[in-house]
Amino acid sequence: MSSHSTLSAEESDVCARVKRLGYGKSKTIRLYGEEYVAVSDPFFEGGGVALRVTTKRDPCVQILRLPVTILQSVVGRSFVSAAQSEPVPHL
């Protein structure tokens, strides 16, 4: 997991843009047919952007990686393609 202090300016900007889209702490998010409550702001994880979330069915905090289409709407395909080429660590 990346810490906020080690984010590049570009990564910080991407996370801020994702947050402005409504993917931030205390927001309710509906993805993959499930309703999530964000308990963190967006952060970089495994070559993408993720949030810590809970659900009504499972109050345990889990990491939810946001779909690439959200990142494409925030930045451009070139940034997303570069992020996807990085290896994804196993959790």
PDB file of N, CA and C in Angstrom:
ATOM      1  N   MET A   1       0.848  -1.172   0.000  1.00  0.00           N
ATOM      2  CA  MET A   1       0.000   0.000   0.000  1.00  0.00           C
ATOM      3  C   MET A   1       0.888   1.227   0.000  1.00  0.00           C
ATOM      4  N   SER A   2       0.552   2.188  -0.834  1.00  0.00           N
ATOM      5  CA  SER A   2       1.296   3.442  -0.877  1.00  0.00           C
ATOM      6  C   SER A   2       0.796   4.352   0.223  1.00  0.00           C
ATOM      7  N   SER A   3       1.714   5.064   0.839  1.00  0.00           N
ATOM      8  CA  SER A   3       1.276   6.051   1.826  1.00  0.00           C
ATOM      9  C   SER A   3       1.114   7.382   1.116  1.00  0.00           C
ATOM     10  N   HIS A   4       0.305   8.249   1.712  1.00  0.00           N
ATOM     11  CA  HIS A   4       0.037   9.539   1.082  1.00  0.00           C
ATOM     12  C   HIS A   4       1.296  10.377   0.964  1.00  0.00           C
ATOM     13  N   SER A   5       2.269  10.212   1.841  1.00  0.00           N
ATOM     14  CA  SER A   5       3.469  11.031   1.812  1.00  0.00           C
ATOM     15  C   SER A   5       4.413  10.634   0.682  1.00  0.00           C
ATOM     16  N   THR A   6       4.259   9.443   0.112  1.00  0.00           N
ATOM     17  CA  THR A   6       5.160   9.007  -0.948  1.00  0.00           C
ATOM     18  C   THR A   6       4.528   9.098  -2.336  1.00  0.00           C
ATOM     19  N   LEU A   7       3.347   9.676  -2.435  1.00  0.00           N
ATOM     20  CA  LEU A   7       2.703   9.828  -3.730  1.00  0.00           C
ATOM     21  C   LEU A   7       3.384  10.922  -4.539  1.00  0.00           C
ATOM     22  N   SER A   8       3.506  10.685  -5.836  1.00  0.00           N
ATOM     23  CA  SER A   8       4.013  11.731  -6.709  1.00  0.00           C
ATOM     24  C   SER A   8       2.919  12.782  -6.871  1.00  0.00           C
ATOM     25  N   ALA A   9       3.282  13.916  -7.419  1.00  0.00           N
ATOM     26  CA  ALA A   9       2.302  14.987  -7.645  1.00  0.00           C
ATOM     27  C   ALA A   9       1.198  14.504  -8.578  1.00  0.00           C
ATOM     28  N   GLU A  10       1.568  13.717  -9.589  1.00  0.00           N
ATOM     29  CA  GLU A  10       0.584  13.205 -10.543  1.00  0.00           C
ATOM     30  C   GLU A  10      -0.378  12.226  -9.864  1.00  0.00           C
ATOM     31  N   GLU A  11       0.150  11.347  -9.016  1.00  0.00           N
ATOM     32  CA  GLU A  11      -0.695  10.402  -8.296  1.00  0.00           C
ATOM     33  C   GLU A  11      -1.631  11.123  -7.327  1.00  0.00           C
ATOM     34  N   SER A  12      -1.121  12.131  -6.649  1.00  0.00           N
ATOM     35  CA  SER A  12      -1.960  12.916  -5.737  1.00  0.00           C
ATOM     36  C   SER A  12      -3.083  13.601  -6.494  1.00  0.00           C
ATOM     37  N   ASP A  13      -2.783  14.122  -7.680  1.00  0.00           N
ATOM     38  CA  ASP A  13      -3.786  14.777  -8.507  1.00  0.00           C
ATOM     39  C   ASP A  13      -4.846  13.785  -8.958  1.00  0.00           C
ATOM     40  N   VAL A  14      -4.437  12.591  -9.355  1.00  0.00           N
ATOM     41  CA  VAL A  14      -5.379  11.559  -9.780  1.00  0.00           C
ATOM     42  C   VAL A  14      -6.307  11.192  -8.621  1.00  0.00           C
ATOM     43  N   CYS A  15      -5.744  10.975  -7.441  1.00  0.00           N
ATOM     44  CA  CYS A  15      -6.560  10.633  -6.269  1.00  0.00           C
ATOM     45  C   CYS A  15      -7.541  11.754  -5.937  1.00  0.00           C
ATOM     46  N   ALA A  16      -7.112  12.998  -6.043  1.00  0.00           N
ATOM     47  CA  ALA A  16      -7.996  14.139  -5.776  1.00  0.00           C
ATOM     48  C   ALA A  16      -9.134  14.187  -6.792  1.00  0.00           C
ATOM     49  N   ARG A  17      -8.835  13.914  -8.053  1.00  0.00           N
ATOM     50  CA  ARG A  17      -9.869  13.918  -9.092  1.00  0.00           C
ATOM     51  C   ARG A  17     -10.872  12.790  -8.861  1.00  0.00           C
ATOM     52  N   VAL A  18     -10.371  11.609  -8.498  1.00  0.00           N
ATOM     53  CA  VAL A  18     -11.254  10.479  -8.220  1.00  0.00           C
ATOM     54  C   VAL A  18     -12.165  10.817  -7.042  1.00  0.00           C
ATOM     55  N   LYS A  19     -11.609  11.454  -6.030  1.00  0.00           N
ATOM     56  CA  LYS A  19     -12.393  11.856  -4.858  1.00  0.00           C
ATOM     57  C   LYS A  19     -13.496  12.832  -5.259  1.00  0.00           C
ATOM     58  N   ARG A  20     -13.187  13.777  -6.157  1.00  0.00           N
ATOM     59  CA  ARG A  20     -14.189  14.751  -6.611  1.00  0.00           C
ATOM     60  C   ARG A  20     -15.321  14.077  -7.393  1.00  0.00           C
ATOM     61  N   LEU A  21     -15.053  12.912  -7.960  1.00  0.00           N
ATOM     62  CA  LEU A  21     -16.099  12.163  -8.664  1.00  0.00           C
ATOM     63  C   LEU A  21     -17.070  11.486  -7.695  1.00  0.00           C
ATOM     64  N   GLY A  22     -16.769  11.540  -6.405  1.00  0.00           N
ATOM     65  CA  GLY A  22     -17.662  10.944  -5.415  1.00  0.00           C
ATOM     66  C   GLY A  22     -17.137   9.677  -4.782  1.00  0.00           C
ATOM     67  N   TYR A  23     -15.871   9.356  -5.040  1.00  0.00           N
ATOM     68  CA  TYR A  23     -15.255   8.161  -4.476  1.00  0.00           C
ATOM     69  C   TYR A  23     -14.333   8.568  -3.333  1.00  0.00           C
ATOM     70  N   GLY A  24     -14.913   9.076  -2.256  1.00  0.00           N
ATOM     71  CA  GLY A  24     -14.128   9.531  -1.112  1.00  0.00           C
ATOM     72  C   GLY A  24     -14.711   9.028   0.193  1.00  0.00           C
ATOM     73  N   LYS A  25     -14.000   9.299   1.255  1.00  0.00           N
ATOM     74  CA  LYS A  25     -14.381   8.844   2.595  1.00  0.00           C
ATOM     75  C   LYS A  25     -15.819   9.238   2.919  1.00  0.00           C
ATOM     76  N   SER A  26     -16.541   8.300   3.507  1.00  0.00           N
ATOM     77  CA  SER A  26     -17.932   8.446   3.952  1.00  0.00           C
ATOM     78  C   SER A  26     -18.941   8.456   2.807  1.00  0.00           C
ATOM     79  N   LYS A  27     -18.505   8.224   1.584  1.00  0.00           N
ATOM     80  CA  LYS A  27     -19.422   8.190   0.441  1.00  0.00           C
ATOM     81  C   LYS A  27     -19.933   6.762   0.234  1.00  0.00           C
ATOM     82  N   THR A  28     -21.169   6.652  -0.227  1.00  0.00           N
ATOM     83  CA  THR A  28     -21.732   5.362  -0.598  1.00  0.00           C
ATOM     84  C   THR A  28     -21.486   5.155  -2.086  1.00  0.00           C
ATOM     85  N   ILE A  29     -20.952   3.992  -2.433  1.00  0.00           N
ATOM     86  CA  ILE A  29     -20.550   3.694  -3.804  1.00  0.00           C
ATOM     87  C   ILE A  29     -21.230   2.403  -4.233  1.00  0.00           C
ATOM     88  N   ARG A  30     -21.789   2.403  -5.405  1.00  0.00           N
ATOM     89  CA  ARG A  30     -22.400   1.177  -5.933  1.00  0.00           C
ATOM     90  C   ARG A  30     -21.561   0.693  -7.109  1.00  0.00           C
ATOM     91  N   LEU A  31     -20.924  -0.453  -6.923  1.00  0.00           N
ATOM     92  CA  LEU A  31     -20.093  -1.080  -7.961  1.00  0.00           C
ATOM     93  C   LEU A  31     -20.299  -2.583  -7.908  1.00  0.00           C
ATOM     94  N   TYR A  32     -20.226  -3.210  -9.072  1.00  0.00           N
ATOM     95  CA  TYR A  32     -20.287  -4.669  -9.153  1.00  0.00           C
ATOM     96  C   TYR A  32     -21.539  -5.242  -8.486  1.00  0.00           C
ATOM     97  N   GLY A  33     -22.652  -4.492  -8.514  1.00  0.00           N
ATOM     98  CA  GLY A  33     -23.893  -4.958  -7.926  1.00  0.00           C
ATOM     99  C   GLY A  33     -23.919  -4.927  -6.407  1.00  0.00           C
ATOM    100  N   GLU A  34     -22.975  -4.257  -5.806  1.00  0.00           N
ATOM    101  CA  GLU A  34     -22.864  -4.183  -4.345  1.00  0.00           C
ATOM    102  C   GLU A  34     -22.798  -2.721  -3.926  1.00  0.00           C
ATOM    103  N   GLU A  35     -23.308  -2.429  -2.750  1.00  0.00           N
ATOM    104  CA  GLU A  35     -23.222  -1.079  -2.204  1.00  0.00           C
ATOM    105  C   GLU A  35     -22.128  -1.049  -1.137  1.00  0.00           C
ATOM    106  N   TYR A  36     -21.169  -0.152  -1.314  1.00  0.00           N
ATOM    107  CA  TYR A  36     -20.027  -0.010  -0.411  1.00  0.00           C
ATOM    108  C   TYR A  36     -20.071   1.354   0.269  1.00  0.00           C
ATOM    109  N   VAL A  37     -19.495   1.423   1.459  1.00  0.00           N
ATOM    110  CA  VAL A  37     -19.292   2.691   2.138  1.00  0.00           C
ATOM    111  C   VAL A  37     -17.790   2.892   2.248  1.00  0.00           C
ATOM    112  N   ALA A  38     -17.293   3.971   1.680  1.00  0.00           N
ATOM    113  CA  ALA A  38     -15.855   4.255   1.709  1.00  0.00           C
ATOM    114  C   ALA A  38     -15.448   4.698   3.110  1.00  0.00           C
ATOM    115  N   VAL A  39     -14.398   4.073   3.630  1.00  0.00           N
ATOM    116  CA  VAL A  39     -13.868   4.463   4.940  1.00  0.00           C
ATOM    117  C   VAL A  39     -12.485   5.096   4.793  1.00  0.00           C
ATOM    118  N   SER A  40     -12.087   5.323   3.534  1.00  0.00           N
ATOM    119  CA  SER A  40     -10.833   6.033   3.264  1.00  0.00           C
ATOM    120  C   SER A  40     -11.013   6.852   1.999  1.00  0.00           C
ATOM    121  N   ASP A  41     -10.091   7.748   1.774  1.00  0.00           N
ATOM    122  CA  ASP A  41     -10.024   8.445   0.504  1.00  0.00           C
ATOM    123  C   ASP A  41      -9.262   7.560  -0.474  1.00  0.00           C
ATOM    124  N   PRO A  42      -9.325   7.849  -1.779  1.00  0.00           N
ATOM    125  CA  PRO A  42      -8.629   7.040  -2.773  1.00  0.00           C
ATOM    126  C   PRO A  42      -7.116   7.025  -2.547  1.00  0.00           C
ATOM    127  N   PHE A  43      -6.494   5.886  -2.881  1.00  0.00           N
ATOM    128  CA  PHE A  43      -5.046   5.747  -2.799  1.00  0.00           C
ATOM    129  C   PHE A  43      -4.592   4.776  -3.886  1.00  0.00           C
ATOM    130  N   PHE A  44      -3.301   4.828  -4.221  1.00  0.00           N
ATOM    131  CA  PHE A  44      -2.756   3.928  -5.229  1.00  0.00           C
ATOM    132  C   PHE A  44      -2.445   2.586  -4.604  1.00  0.00           C
ATOM    133  N   GLU A  45      -2.852   1.516  -5.316  1.00  0.00           N
ATOM    134  CA  GLU A  45      -2.662   0.151  -4.843  1.00  0.00           C
ATOM    135  C   GLU A  45      -2.557  -0.760  -6.052  1.00  0.00           C
ATOM    136  N   GLY A  46      -1.470  -1.491  -6.161  1.00  0.00           N
ATOM    137  CA  GLY A  46      -1.330  -2.492  -7.212  1.00  0.00           C
ATOM    138  C   GLY A  46      -1.494  -1.968  -8.619  1.00  0.00           C
ATOM    139  N   GLY A  47      -0.980  -0.786  -8.897  1.00  0.00           N
ATOM    140  CA  GLY A  47      -1.053  -0.233 -10.239  1.00  0.00           C
ATOM    141  C   GLY A  47      -2.374   0.430 -10.565  1.00  0.00           C
ATOM    142  N   GLY A  48      -3.229   0.615  -9.576  1.00  0.00           N
ATOM    143  CA  GLY A  48      -4.517   1.270  -9.789  1.00  0.00           C
ATOM    144  C   GLY A  48      -4.891   2.103  -8.579  1.00  0.00           C
ATOM    145  N   VAL A  49      -6.115   2.571  -8.576  1.00  0.00           N
ATOM    146  CA  VAL A  49      -6.613   3.368  -7.460  1.00  0.00           C
ATOM    147  C   VAL A  49      -7.623   2.524  -6.694  1.00  0.00           C
ATOM    148  N   ALA A  50      -7.545   2.598  -5.374  1.00  0.00           N
ATOM    149  CA  ALA A  50      -8.411   1.787  -4.529  1.00  0.00           C
ATOM    150  C   ALA A  50      -8.950   2.618  -3.368  1.00  0.00           C
ATOM    151  N   LEU A  51      -9.908   2.038  -2.670  1.00  0.00           N
ATOM    152  CA  LEU A  51     -10.495   2.618  -1.467  1.00  0.00           C
ATOM    153  C   LEU A  51     -10.612   1.515  -0.423  1.00  0.00           C
ATOM    154  N   ARG A  52     -10.597   1.889   0.828  1.00  0.00           N
ATOM    155  CA  ARG A  52     -10.963   0.964   1.895  1.00  0.00           C
ATOM    156  C   ARG A  52     -12.467   1.125   2.086  1.00  0.00           C
ATOM    157  N   VAL A  53     -13.181   0.003   2.102  1.00  0.00           N
ATOM    158  CA  VAL A  53     -14.638   0.039   2.151  1.00  0.00           C
ATOM    159  C   VAL A  53     -15.190  -1.012   3.109  1.00  0.00           C
ATOM    160  N   THR A  54     -16.457  -0.834   3.461  1.00  0.00           N
ATOM    161  CA  THR A  54     -17.236  -1.846   4.161  1.00  0.00           C
ATOM    162  C   THR A  54     -18.542  -2.020   3.395  1.00  0.00           C
ATOM    163  N   THR A  55     -19.274  -3.068   3.729  1.00  0.00           N
ATOM    164  CA  THR A  55     -20.600  -3.279   3.153  1.00  0.00           C
ATOM    165  C   THR A  55     -21.580  -3.554   4.284  1.00  0.00           C
ATOM    166  N   LYS A  56     -22.863  -3.523   3.955  1.00  0.00           N
ATOM    167  CA  LYS A  56     -23.868  -3.842   4.962  1.00  0.00           C
ATOM    168  C   LYS A  56     -23.746  -5.302   5.393  1.00  0.00           C
ATOM    169  N   ARG A  57     -23.400  -6.172   4.450  1.00  0.00           N
ATOM    170  CA  ARG A  57     -23.282  -7.600   4.762  1.00  0.00           C
ATOM    171  C   ARG A  57     -22.004  -7.948   5.497  1.00  0.00           C
ATOM    172  N   ASP A  58     -20.935  -7.154   5.260  1.00  0.00           N
ATOM    173  CA  ASP A  58     -19.640  -7.454   5.868  1.00  0.00           C
ATOM    174  C   ASP A  58     -19.020  -6.161   6.391  1.00  0.00           C
ATOM    175  N   PRO A  59     -19.080  -5.939   7.705  1.00  0.00           N
ATOM    176  CA  PRO A  59     -18.542  -4.697   8.270  1.00  0.00           C
ATOM    177  C   PRO A  59     -17.008  -4.654   8.336  1.00  0.00           C
ATOM    178  N   CYS A  60     -16.351  -5.752   7.962  1.00  0.00           N
ATOM    179  CA  CYS A  60     -14.880  -5.758   7.943  1.00  0.00           C
ATOM    180  C   CYS A  60     -14.383  -4.869   6.805  1.00  0.00           C
ATOM    181  N   VAL A  61     -13.321  -4.135   7.069  1.00  0.00           N
ATOM    182  CA  VAL A  61     -12.751  -3.247   6.050  1.00  0.00           C
ATOM    183  C   VAL A  61     -12.038  -4.086   4.998  1.00  0.00           C
ATOM    184  N   GLN A  62     -12.323  -3.792   3.743  1.00  0.00           N
ATOM    185  CA  GLN A  62     -11.676  -4.463   2.621  1.00  0.00           C
ATOM    186  C   GLN A  62     -11.176  -3.416   1.630  1.00  0.00           C
ATOM    187  N   ILE A  63     -10.298  -3.820   0.762  1.00  0.00           N
ATOM    188  CA  ILE A  63      -9.779  -2.912  -0.261  1.00  0.00           C
ATOM    189  C   ILE A  63     -10.536  -3.169  -1.558  1.00  0.00           C
ATOM    190  N   LEU A  64     -11.083  -2.102  -2.126  1.00  0.00           N
ATOM    191  CA  LEU A  64     -11.822  -2.168  -3.374  1.00  0.00           C
ATOM    192  C   LEU A  64     -11.057  -1.393  -4.434  1.00  0.00           C
ATOM    193  N   ARG A  65     -10.561  -2.107  -5.442  1.00  0.00           N
ATOM    194  CA  ARG A  65      -9.895  -1.429  -6.566  1.00  0.00           C
ATOM    195  C   ARG A  65     -10.955  -0.889  -7.502  1.00  0.00           C
ATOM    196  N   LEU A  66     -10.811   0.367  -7.865  1.00  0.00           N
ATOM    197  CA  LEU A  66     -11.773   1.004  -8.760  1.00  0.00           C
ATOM    198  C   LEU A  66     -11.542   0.543 -10.195  1.00  0.00           C
ATOM    199  N   PRO A  67     -12.619   0.438 -10.970  1.00  0.00           N
ATOM    200  CA  PRO A  67     -12.482   0.005 -12.365  1.00  0.00           C
ATOM    201  C   PRO A  67     -11.641   0.980 -13.189  1.00  0.00           C
ATOM    202  N   VAL A  68     -10.968   0.443 -14.173  1.00  0.00           N
ATOM    203  CA  VAL A  68     -10.110   1.239 -15.049  1.00  0.00           C
ATOM    204  C   VAL A  68     -10.909   2.328 -15.751  1.00  0.00           C
ATOM    205  N   THR A  69     -12.171   2.088 -16.045  1.00  0.00           N
ATOM    206  CA  THR A  69     -12.982   3.091 -16.739  1.00  0.00           C
ATOM    207  C   THR A  69     -13.117   4.366 -15.921  1.00  0.00           C
ATOM    208  N   ILE A  70     -13.105   4.248 -14.596  1.00  0.00           N
ATOM    209  CA  ILE A  70     -13.153   5.444 -13.753  1.00  0.00           C
ATOM    210  C   ILE A  70     -11.860   6.228 -13.906  1.00  0.00           C
ATOM    211  N   LEU A  71     -10.736   5.525 -13.895  1.00  0.00           N
ATOM    212  CA  LEU A  71      -9.448   6.209 -14.068  1.00  0.00           C
ATOM    213  C   LEU A  71      -9.344   6.839 -15.447  1.00  0.00           C
ATOM    214  N   GLN A  72      -9.868   6.155 -16.463  1.00  0.00           N
ATOM    215  CA  GLN A  72      -9.819   6.710 -17.813  1.00  0.00           C
ATOM    216  C   GLN A  72     -10.623   7.994 -17.907  1.00  0.00           C
ATOM    217  N   SER A  73     -11.704   8.089 -17.157  1.00  0.00           N
ATOM    218  CA  SER A  73     -12.502   9.310 -17.197  1.00  0.00           C
ATOM    219  C   SER A  73     -11.819  10.456 -16.459  1.00  0.00           C
ATOM    220  N   VAL A  74     -10.931  10.138 -15.527  1.00  0.00           N
ATOM    221  CA  VAL A  74     -10.246  11.149 -14.734  1.00  0.00           C
ATOM    222  C   VAL A  74      -8.978  11.628 -15.422  1.00  0.00           C
ATOM    223  N   VAL A  75      -8.221  10.719 -15.965  1.00  0.00           N
ATOM    224  CA  VAL A  75      -6.952  11.070 -16.609  1.00  0.00           C
ATOM    225  C   VAL A  75      -7.015  10.663 -18.063  1.00  0.00           C
ATOM    226  N   GLY A  76      -6.037  10.097 -18.603  1.00  0.00           N
ATOM    227  CA  GLY A  76      -6.094   9.667 -19.991  1.00  0.00           C
ATOM    228  C   GLY A  76      -5.718   8.213 -20.105  1.00  0.00           C
ATOM    229  N   ARG A  77      -5.903   7.704 -21.262  1.00  0.00           N
ATOM    230  CA  ARG A  77      -5.550   6.301 -21.493  1.00  0.00           C
ATOM    231  C   ARG A  77      -4.060   6.041 -21.290  1.00  0.00           C
ATOM    232  N   SER A  78      -3.207   7.017 -21.579  1.00  0.00           N
ATOM    233  CA  SER A  78      -1.766   6.793 -21.463  1.00  0.00           C
ATOM    234  C   SER A  78      -1.363   6.540 -20.021  1.00  0.00           C
ATOM    235  N   PHE A  79      -1.929   7.296 -19.074  1.00  0.00           N
ATOM    236  CA  PHE A  79      -1.588   7.106 -17.665  1.00  0.00           C
ATOM    237  C   PHE A  79      -2.112   5.762 -17.183  1.00  0.00           C
ATOM    238  N   VAL A  80      -3.348   5.429 -17.569  1.00  0.00           N
ATOM    239  CA  VAL A  80      -3.948   4.164 -17.139  1.00  0.00           C
ATOM    240  C   VAL A  80      -3.177   2.991 -17.716  1.00  0.00           C
ATOM    241  N   SER A  81      -2.777   3.068 -18.979  1.00  0.00           N
ATOM    242  CA  SER A  81      -2.007   1.984 -19.591  1.00  0.00           C
ATOM    243  C   SER A  81      -0.685   1.781 -18.879  1.00  0.00           C
ATOM    244  N   ALA A  82      -0.026   2.862 -18.517  1.00  0.00           N
ATOM    245  CA  ALA A  82       1.249   2.760 -17.795  1.00  0.00           C
ATOM    246  C   ALA A  82       1.034   2.146 -16.420  1.00  0.00           C
ATOM    247  N   ALA A  83      -0.037   2.501 -15.743  1.00  0.00           N
ATOM    248  CA  ALA A  83      -0.328   1.951 -14.415  1.00  0.00           C
ATOM    249  C   ALA A  83      -0.628   0.465 -14.499  1.00  0.00           C
ATOM    250  N   GLN A  84      -1.294   0.026 -15.561  1.00  0.00           N
ATOM    251  CA  GLN A  84      -1.636  -1.388 -15.693  1.00  0.00           C
ATOM    252  C   GLN A  84      -0.432  -2.244 -16.014  1.00  0.00           C
ATOM    253  N   SER A  85       0.622  -1.666 -16.551  1.00  0.00           N
ATOM    254  CA  SER A  85       1.787  -2.464 -16.910  1.00  0.00           C
ATOM    255  C   SER A  85       2.644  -2.829 -15.702  1.00  0.00           C
ATOM    256  N   GLU A  86       2.367  -2.187 -14.540  1.00  0.00           N
ATOM    257  CA  GLU A  86       3.096  -2.516 -13.331  1.00  0.00           C
ATOM    258  C   GLU A  86       2.582  -3.836 -12.776  1.00  0.00           C
ATOM    259  N   PRO A  87       3.453  -4.633 -12.150  1.00  0.00           N
ATOM    260  CA  PRO A  87       2.985  -5.891 -11.558  1.00  0.00           C
ATOM    261  C   PRO A  87       2.044  -5.629 -10.387  1.00  0.00           C
ATOM    262  N   VAL A  88       1.038  -6.469 -10.251  1.00  0.00           N
ATOM    263  CA  VAL A  88       0.061  -6.323  -9.174  1.00  0.00           C
ATOM    264  C   VAL A  88       0.468  -7.256  -8.032  1.00  0.00           C
ATOM    265  N   PRO A  89       0.711  -6.699  -6.832  1.00  0.00           N
ATOM    266  CA  PRO A  89       1.096  -7.555  -5.712  1.00  0.00           C
ATOM    267  C   PRO A  89      -0.093  -8.378  -5.213  1.00  0.00           C
ATOM    268  N   HIS A  90       0.186  -9.555  -4.715  1.00  0.00           N
ATOM    269  CA  HIS A  90      -0.862 -10.398  -4.130  1.00  0.00           C
ATOM    270  C   HIS A  90      -1.077  -9.980  -2.690  1.00  0.00           C
ATOM    271  N   LEU A  91      -2.334  -9.855  -2.306  1.00  0.00           N
ATOM    272  CA  LEU A  91      -2.671  -9.451  -0.935  1.00  0.00           C
ATOM    273  C   LEU A  91      -2.872 -10.655  -0.069  1.00  0.00           C
TER     274      LEU A  91
END
